[in-house]
Amino acid sequence: MQNATLPDAIIEKHKVQAEYDWMVRNFTVQGEVPELHHENSYASRLYSYMGQKKQVEWLLIHFWSHNYPSGTKLTLNPAFRT
């Protein structure tokens, strides 16, 4: 993505503020999400998947240690999901 700017003009024009705020919290705040039957937020799962693996850290380590040409290869190839 090149020349990304925030706030995004299209999102600003069409967003529903309450839904936007909820999404921002889900992706940035680690904790439970009451609206999802108290499941962990996406932020929680990114940093501690089932309390076993820090996905962001794992991705960075594996991405850089295997010299992948792109993140797509890592994401789409099941052999790399250990």
Foldseek 3Di string as FASTA:
>chain_A
DPPDDPPDPVCVVDPDVVVVVLLVCLQPPFFFDVVVVRDTRPVVCCQANVNPDNNVVLLVVVCVVVVDPDVVCCVPDPVNVD
